[in-house]
Protein backbone atom coordinates (compact mmCIF):
# COMPACT_ATOMS: atom_id res chain seq x y z
CA MET A 1 0.00 0.00 0.00
CA ALA A 2 1.41 3.37 -1.01
CA LEU A 3 2.16 5.79 1.81
CA LYS A 4 0.50 9.16 1.90
CA VAL A 5 2.25 12.23 0.49
CA ALA A 6 0.84 15.43 1.98
CA ARG A 7 -0.90 17.71 -0.50
CA ARG A 8 0.85 20.72 1.08
CA GLY A 9 3.99 19.68 -0.77
CA ARG A 10 2.23 19.60 -4.12
CA ILE A 11 3.19 23.11 -5.09
CA PRO A 12 4.80 24.28 -8.33
CA ALA A 13 8.55 24.25 -8.75
CA PHE A 14 10.49 27.50 -8.56
CA ILE A 15 11.36 27.41 -12.27
CA VAL A 16 14.30 29.80 -12.09
CA MET A 17 16.04 27.25 -9.85
CA ASP A 18 15.39 24.61 -12.50
CA MET A 19 16.97 26.94 -15.05
CA LEU A 20 19.96 27.48 -12.75
CA ARG A 21 20.41 23.72 -12.35
CA GLU A 22 20.31 23.20 -16.13
CA ALA A 23 22.75 26.07 -16.68
CA ASN A 24 25.13 24.66 -14.07
CA GLU A 25 24.95 21.20 -15.64
CA ARG A 26 25.89 22.68 -18.99
CA ALA A 27 28.74 24.64 -17.42
CA ALA A 28 30.00 21.50 -15.68
CA ALA A 29 30.00 19.77 -19.08
CA GLY A 30 32.32 22.45 -20.44
CA GLU A 31 29.91 24.96 -21.98
CA ASN A 32 30.47 28.67 -21.45
CA ILE A 33 27.30 29.97 -19.81
CA VAL A 34 26.39 33.56 -18.97
CA HIS A 35 24.06 33.71 -15.98
CA LEU A 36 21.25 36.24 -16.25
CA GLU A 37 18.68 33.97 -14.58
CA ILE A 38 19.37 34.08 -10.85
CA GLY A 39 18.61 37.03 -8.58
CA GLN A 40 21.85 36.89 -6.67
CA PRO A 41 24.59 39.54 -6.33
CA GLY A 42 27.64 38.67 -8.37
CA THR A 43 29.90 39.47 -5.42
CA GLY A 44 30.17 37.85 -2.03
CA ALA A 45 29.70 39.49 1.34
CA PRO A 46 31.66 42.70 1.97
CA ARG A 47 35.13 42.47 3.48
CA GLY A 48 34.03 43.76 6.88
CA VAL A 49 31.47 40.98 7.17
CA ILE A 50 34.04 38.32 6.29
CA GLU A 51 36.47 39.66 8.89
CA ALA A 52 33.75 39.75 11.53
CA ALA A 53 32.88 36.12 10.77
CA LYS A 54 36.53 35.06 11.08
CA ALA A 55 36.82 36.84 14.41
CA ALA A 56 33.63 35.23 15.69
CA LEU A 57 34.94 31.77 14.85
CA ASP A 58 37.95 32.39 17.09
CA VAL A 59 36.18 33.76 20.15
CA ASP A 60 32.45 32.89 20.01
CA ARG A 61 30.91 29.59 21.09
CA LEU A 62 28.24 30.14 18.41
CA ALA A 63 25.49 28.81 20.62
CA TYR A 64 21.79 29.48 20.12
CA THR A 65 20.77 33.11 20.40
CA ASP A 66 17.42 34.44 21.58
CA ALA A 67 14.62 33.41 19.24
CA PHE A 68 14.45 37.00 17.93
CA GLY A 69 18.23 37.17 17.45
CA LEU A 70 21.24 38.99 18.86
CA PRO A 71 20.37 42.25 20.64
CA GLU A 72 23.44 43.97 19.11
CA LEU A 73 22.28 43.25 15.57
CA ARG A 74 18.70 44.20 16.29
CA GLN A 75 19.97 47.52 17.65
CA LYS A 76 21.97 48.05 14.44
CA ILE A 77 18.82 47.48 12.40
CA ALA A 78 16.89 49.95 14.55
CA ARG A 79 19.64 52.52 13.94
CA HIS A 80 19.39 51.76 10.21
CA TYR A 81 15.69 52.73 10.24
CA ARG A 82 16.45 55.97 12.07
CA GLN A 83 19.25 56.97 9.72
CA LYS A 84 17.82 55.81 6.40
CA TYR A 85 14.10 56.42 6.86
CA GLY A 86 13.82 58.72 9.88
CA ARG A 87 11.65 56.11 11.65
CA ASN A 88 12.04 55.16 15.31
CA VAL A 89 11.44 51.43 15.38
CA PRO A 90 11.55 49.81 18.83
CA VAL A 91 14.20 47.11 19.03
CA GLU A 92 11.55 44.82 20.54
CA ARG A 93 9.71 44.75 17.20
CA ILE A 94 12.76 43.64 15.18
CA VAL A 95 12.98 39.90 14.57
CA LEU A 96 15.94 38.23 12.89
CA THR A 97 15.10 35.24 10.69
CA THR A 98 16.76 32.47 8.70
CA GLY A 99 16.63 34.46 5.49
CA SER A 100 13.60 36.38 4.28
CA SER A 101 12.14 33.03 3.19
CA ALA A 102 11.70 32.03 6.83
CA ALA A 103 10.31 35.49 7.53
CA PHE A 104 7.54 34.91 4.99
CA VAL A 105 6.70 31.53 6.54
CA LEU A 106 6.63 33.01 10.05
CA GLY A 107 4.73 36.10 8.98
CA PHE A 108 2.12 34.21 7.01
CA ILE A 109 1.47 31.70 9.80
CA ALA A 110 1.24 34.44 12.43
CA SER A 111 -1.05 36.64 10.32
CA PHE A 112 -3.38 34.31 8.43
CA ASP A 113 -5.47 31.21 8.98
CA ALA A 114 -6.19 28.42 6.52
CA GLY A 115 -8.76 29.63 4.01
CA ASP A 116 -7.85 33.31 4.35
CA ARG A 117 -7.45 35.25 1.10
CA VAL A 118 -4.16 37.09 0.52
CA ALA A 119 -3.66 39.28 -2.54
CA LEU A 120 -0.45 39.69 -4.49
CA ALA A 121 0.48 41.29 -7.77
CA GLU A 122 0.97 39.13 -10.84
CA PRO A 123 3.68 39.09 -12.05
CA GLY A 124 5.30 38.53 -8.67
CA TYR A 125 7.79 36.43 -6.74
CA PRO A 126 6.45 32.86 -7.11
CA CYS A 127 7.40 31.71 -3.62
CA TYR A 128 4.81 34.03 -2.07
CA LYS A 129 2.04 32.07 -3.74
CA ASN A 130 3.67 28.70 -3.24
CA ILE A 131 4.22 29.25 0.51
CA LEU A 132 0.64 30.47 0.91
CA GLN A 133 -0.68 27.40 -0.89
CA ALA A 134 1.43 25.09 1.26
CA LEU A 135 -0.19 26.72 4.31
CA ASP A 136 -3.73 26.33 2.87
CA ILE A 137 -4.04 30.10 2.50
CA GLU A 138 -5.66 31.24 -0.73
CA PRO A 139 -3.44 33.46 -2.93
CA VAL A 140 -5.45 35.99 -4.90
CA GLY A 141 -3.64 37.22 -7.99
CA LEU A 142 -3.95 40.87 -8.96
CA PRO A 143 -3.41 41.04 -12.75
CA ALA A 144 -1.21 44.13 -12.87
CA GLY A 145 0.15 45.40 -16.18
CA PRO A 146 2.04 48.38 -17.58
CA ALA A 147 -0.81 50.77 -16.70
CA GLU A 148 -0.36 49.83 -13.02
CA ARG A 149 3.44 49.63 -13.29
CA PHE A 150 2.96 45.89 -12.57
CA GLN A 151 2.03 46.80 -8.97
CA PRO A 152 -1.10 46.57 -6.82
CA THR A 153 -3.56 49.46 -6.90
CA VAL A 154 -6.70 50.24 -4.94
CA ALA A 155 -8.76 49.49 -8.06
CA LEU A 156 -7.24 46.01 -8.33
CA LEU A 157 -7.87 45.40 -4.63
CA GLU A 158 -11.49 46.45 -4.95
CA ALA A 159 -11.96 44.06 -7.87
CA ALA A 160 -10.48 41.16 -5.88
CA GLY A 161 -13.30 40.96 -3.36
CA PRO A 162 -12.93 40.47 0.41
CA LEU A 163 -9.31 40.06 1.47
CA ASP A 164 -7.42 39.22 4.65
CA GLY A 165 -3.98 40.25 3.48
CA LEU A 166 -1.90 41.93 0.78
CA ILE A 167 1.73 41.32 -0.15
CA LEU A 168 3.38 44.37 -1.67
CA ALA A 169 6.97 44.40 -2.98
CA SER A 170 8.59 47.69 -3.95
CA PRO A 171 10.99 47.31 -5.74
CA SER A 172 9.52 44.09 -7.01
CA ASN A 173 10.75 40.83 -8.42
CA PRO A 174 10.53 40.23 -11.41
CA THR A 175 9.83 43.71 -12.77
CA GLY A 176 11.98 45.99 -10.62
CA THR A 177 9.10 48.49 -10.51
CA MET A 178 8.35 50.61 -7.45
CA VAL A 179 5.05 51.85 -6.05
CA GLU A 180 4.68 55.62 -6.25
CA THR A 181 4.53 57.25 -2.82
CA ALA A 182 0.98 58.55 -3.26
CA VAL A 183 -0.25 55.14 -4.44
CA PHE A 184 1.50 53.47 -1.49
CA ALA A 185 -0.35 55.80 0.90
CA GLU A 186 -3.67 55.01 -0.81
CA ILE A 187 -3.05 51.27 -0.52
CA VAL A 188 -2.15 51.54 3.17
CA ASP A 189 -5.30 53.55 3.83
CA TYR A 190 -7.43 51.02 1.93
CA CYS A 191 -5.93 48.16 3.95
CA ARG A 192 -6.59 50.01 7.21
CA ARG A 193 -10.22 50.69 6.34
CA HIS A 194 -10.90 47.12 5.24
CA GLY A 195 -8.98 45.21 7.91
CA ILE A 196 -6.36 43.88 5.48
CA ARG A 197 -2.96 42.91 6.88
CA LEU A 198 -0.22 44.46 4.73
CA VAL A 199 2.99 42.46 4.26
CA SER A 200 5.64 44.76 2.79
CA ASP A 201 8.55 42.99 1.08
CA GLU A 202 11.44 45.48 1.19
CA ILE A 203 14.35 43.14 0.44
CA TYR A 204 15.51 45.20 -2.56
CA HIS A 205 15.70 48.46 -0.65
CA GLY A 206 19.11 50.04 -1.16
CA ILE A 207 19.14 48.93 -4.82
CA THR A 208 17.25 51.73 -6.57
CA TYR A 209 18.17 54.05 -9.44
CA GLU A 210 15.93 57.11 -9.47
CA ARG A 211 14.73 57.51 -5.88
CA PRO A 212 14.85 55.55 -2.60
CA GLY A 213 12.13 53.03 -1.86
CA ASP A 214 9.35 53.89 0.58
CA THR A 215 9.05 51.74 3.68
CA ALA A 216 5.55 50.81 4.81
CA LEU A 217 6.62 52.05 8.26
CA ALA A 218 6.37 55.59 6.89
CA PHE A 219 2.61 55.10 6.62
CA THR A 220 1.60 52.62 9.33
CA ASP A 221 2.78 50.58 12.32
CA ASP A 222 0.35 47.77 11.47
CA ALA A 223 2.26 46.41 8.48
CA LEU A 224 4.54 43.39 8.65
CA VAL A 225 7.82 44.55 7.06
CA ILE A 226 10.29 42.00 5.71
CA ASN A 227 13.89 42.62 4.68
CA SER A 228 17.03 40.60 4.10
CA PHE A 229 20.80 40.63 4.13
CA SER A 230 20.81 38.77 0.79
CA LYS A 231 20.38 41.53 -1.78
CA TYR A 232 21.88 44.94 -0.93
CA PHE A 233 24.20 43.37 1.66
CA ALA A 234 25.23 40.56 -0.75
CA MET A 235 24.96 37.81 1.91
CA THR A 236 22.74 35.29 0.10
CA GLY A 237 24.19 32.03 1.42
CA TRP A 238 24.43 33.35 4.97
CA ARG A 239 20.63 32.92 5.18
CA LEU A 240 19.77 35.91 7.33
CA GLY A 241 16.81 38.25 7.14
CA TRP A 242 14.65 40.30 9.46
CA MET A 243 11.12 41.43 10.13
CA VAL A 244 9.62 44.50 11.75
CA VAL A 245 6.62 42.96 13.47
CA PRO A 246 3.49 44.84 14.59
CA GLU A 247 2.82 44.79 18.33
CA ASP A 248 -0.19 42.50 17.99
CA LEU A 249 1.86 39.77 16.27
CA LEU A 250 4.93 39.81 18.53
CA ARG A 251 4.12 36.99 20.95
CA ALA A 252 2.73 34.72 18.23
CA THR A 253 5.83 35.34 16.15
CA GLU A 254 8.12 34.60 19.11
CA CYS A 255 6.41 31.28 19.81
CA LEU A 256 6.65 30.32 16.14
CA CYS A 257 10.34 31.27 16.00
CA GLN A 258 11.08 29.19 19.10
CA ASN A 259 9.35 26.12 17.74
CA LEU A 260 10.17 26.27 14.02
CA TYR A 261 13.74 27.58 13.98
CA ILE A 262 14.95 28.08 17.61
CA SER A 263 17.10 30.97 16.35
CA PRO A 264 18.75 32.23 13.16
CA PRO A 265 22.35 31.18 12.34
CA THR A 266 24.58 32.68 15.03
CA LEU A 267 27.69 33.06 12.86
CA SER A 268 25.68 34.96 10.25
CA GLN A 269 24.28 37.26 12.92
CA ARG A 270 27.74 37.99 14.34
CA ALA A 271 29.04 38.77 10.87
CA ALA A 272 26.06 40.93 9.90
CA ILE A 273 26.72 43.34 12.77
CA ALA A 274 29.54 44.68 10.59
CA ALA A 275 27.41 44.93 7.43
CA PHE A 276 26.04 48.38 8.21
CA GLU A 277 29.59 49.76 8.28
CA CYS A 278 30.31 48.48 4.75
CA THR A 279 28.12 50.88 2.78
CA ALA A 280 30.94 52.24 0.60
CA GLU A 281 31.67 48.76 -0.77
CA LEU A 282 27.99 47.89 -1.02
CA ASP A 283 27.13 51.12 -2.83
CA GLY A 284 29.89 50.19 -5.27
CA ASN A 285 27.91 47.04 -6.03
CA VAL A 286 24.82 49.17 -6.72
CA ALA A 287 26.87 51.37 -9.07
CA ARG A 288 27.80 48.23 -11.00
CA TYR A 289 24.16 47.17 -11.17
CA ALA A 290 23.36 50.62 -12.55
CA ARG A 291 25.96 50.18 -15.31
CA ASN A 292 24.58 46.74 -16.15
CA ARG A 293 21.05 48.12 -16.19
CA ALA A 294 22.08 50.89 -18.57
CA LEU A 295 23.69 48.35 -20.90
CA LEU A 296 20.52 46.26 -21.08
CA LEU A 297 18.17 49.23 -21.38
CA ASP A 298 20.23 50.38 -24.34
CA GLY A 299 21.04 46.97 -25.83
CA LEU A 300 17.79 45.02 -25.57
CA PRO A 301 15.73 47.47 -27.69
CA LYS A 302 18.40 47.24 -30.39
CA LEU A 303 17.70 43.50 -30.45
CA GLY A 304 13.99 44.13 -30.92
CA LEU A 305 13.16 43.56 -27.23
CA ASP A 306 11.86 47.05 -26.57
CA ARG A 307 8.77 46.37 -24.44
CA LEU A 308 10.36 46.65 -21.00
CA ALA A 309 8.90 47.24 -17.54
CA PRO A 310 10.29 50.31 -15.74
CA SER A 311 13.37 49.00 -13.92
CA ASP A 312 13.21 51.36 -10.94
CA GLY A 313 15.11 49.11 -8.57
CA ALA A 314 16.36 45.60 -7.78
CA PHE A 315 18.46 44.04 -10.57
CA TYR A 316 15.88 42.84 -13.07
CA ILE A 317 14.46 43.79 -16.44
CA TYR A 318 11.13 42.23 -17.35
CA ALA A 319 10.69 42.06 -21.11
CA ASP A 320 7.56 41.45 -23.16
CA VAL A 321 8.66 38.98 -25.86
CA ARG A 322 5.26 38.01 -27.30
CA HIS A 323 6.33 39.26 -30.74
CA VAL A 324 9.03 36.55 -30.88
CA THR A 325 7.50 33.67 -28.89
CA ASN A 326 4.32 32.45 -27.23
CA ASP A 327 6.21 30.07 -24.92
CA SER A 328 8.75 31.84 -22.71
CA HIS A 329 9.85 28.60 -21.02
CA ASP A 330 10.79 27.00 -24.32
CA PHE A 331 12.31 30.31 -25.47
CA CYS A 332 14.56 30.48 -22.40
CA ARG A 333 15.62 26.85 -22.70
CA ARG A 334 16.53 27.35 -26.36
CA MET A 335 18.40 30.55 -25.48
CA LEU A 336 20.42 28.58 -22.96
CA ALA A 337 21.10 25.64 -25.27
CA GLU A 338 21.82 27.63 -28.42
CA ALA A 339 23.27 30.94 -27.15
CA GLY A 340 24.65 29.97 -23.76
CA VAL A 341 22.63 32.67 -21.98
CA ALA A 342 20.53 31.67 -18.97
CA THR A 343 17.40 33.73 -18.22
CA ALA A 344 14.12 33.21 -16.35
CA PRO A 345 10.79 32.56 -18.11
CA GLY A 346 7.88 34.77 -17.14
CA ILE A 347 5.62 31.80 -16.34
CA ASP A 348 7.53 31.51 -13.08
CA PHE A 349 6.11 34.88 -12.02
CA ASP A 350 2.76 35.01 -13.79
CA PRO A 351 1.19 31.66 -14.75
CA ALA A 352 -1.63 33.32 -16.70
CA ARG A 353 0.37 35.78 -18.84
CA GLY A 354 4.00 34.92 -18.22
CA ALA A 355 4.42 32.92 -21.44
CA ALA A 356 4.91 36.32 -23.10
CA PHE A 357 7.66 37.56 -20.77
CA VAL A 358 11.30 36.92 -19.87
CA ARG A 359 13.21 38.21 -16.85
CA PHE A 360 16.84 39.28 -17.23
CA SER A 361 18.88 39.55 -14.03
CA PHE A 362 21.80 41.98 -14.17
CA ALA A 363 23.26 41.23 -10.74
CA GLY A 364 26.51 39.84 -12.15
CA ASN A 365 29.51 41.58 -13.65
CA THR A 366 29.31 44.08 -16.47
CA GLU A 367 31.48 42.02 -18.81
CA ASP A 368 29.00 39.14 -18.68
CA VAL A 369 26.09 41.45 -19.50
CA ALA A 370 27.97 42.75 -22.55
CA ILE A 371 28.82 39.19 -23.64
CA ALA A 372 25.17 38.15 -23.24
CA LEU A 373 23.99 41.02 -25.44
CA GLY A 374 26.47 40.01 -28.13
CA ARG A 375 25.32 36.40 -28.05
CA LEU A 376 21.65 37.39 -28.13
CA HIS A 377 22.32 39.68 -31.10
CA ASP A 378 23.62 36.71 -33.09
CA TRP A 379 20.99 34.28 -31.79
CA LEU A 380 17.91 36.43 -32.32
CA ARG A 381 19.11 37.40 -35.77
């Protein structure tokens, strides 16, 4: 008799990780692959973080920390909100997590019950929807397009019917678009009036090109704010993120942290204390992303890929490719096999309309972006 497999695990694959695996297999077989598929900084952690980690290995027992994390690091994060946003966030509301991925799991469990309806923009980060589905929470897609800058609006929320939550990411993955300040304020007000819990994904803050990103904390103390050391701070494999948790969710979140994770990785926390002193090096990374972005914004239209979402932040360009394909997954696999350029198909981010879109990540080095454009010029021709 076959043993039961829980339906919670029957969620879609994260297709970009499938693309990364295929690209790595080809590279291991000797092919020269340019990686524009993965949303990961091309550099490692800054030097100060590495030195702090080495020092911690020599002197620290690296035992469990409090469930919410090291007080010293939480204080650094509180200072970050004062200096960057002018917001006084109590240290007690700052919760360190095992990456932002764990923050989403903790936040969703603390905020929503099975059967609740949580809205999110489509296109959007696929793991939002997949985590919600694994928790028996209903994801409600908001079909956002160029007119909405691929972001939620009050009109889209009204059309979605009764809601318990909203996930908003600004800058977003996969489009890189940001919510205008006035629209952000309208959304927060709508959520307040309708009892909708706002989850603000701010993991790409610090990587913007025209203006800084707005934090939800500028508008409300009721939002659950999620951030990470993976993107701006270039610490992906260290698996460390944080949340700013509303007062009414604190005890529930603490109990969940204690039981699900005990505490975040201690070595990563010790190292991250130094991250906020490494802004010169980290801003140099952002300057490189800006150069890469400029190359693609200039080069892609010359290849006929001129229908691009506004890349306000993060390190992505989301391109409408319906004039060259009606199957972005097949298009990306052929691009990898025939041109040696790895990208992410839009169906990962928007199952209904994503077959017409491709995401280009420009988080790597500038030379690779230039090489990719050259290969795509020959391939598309």
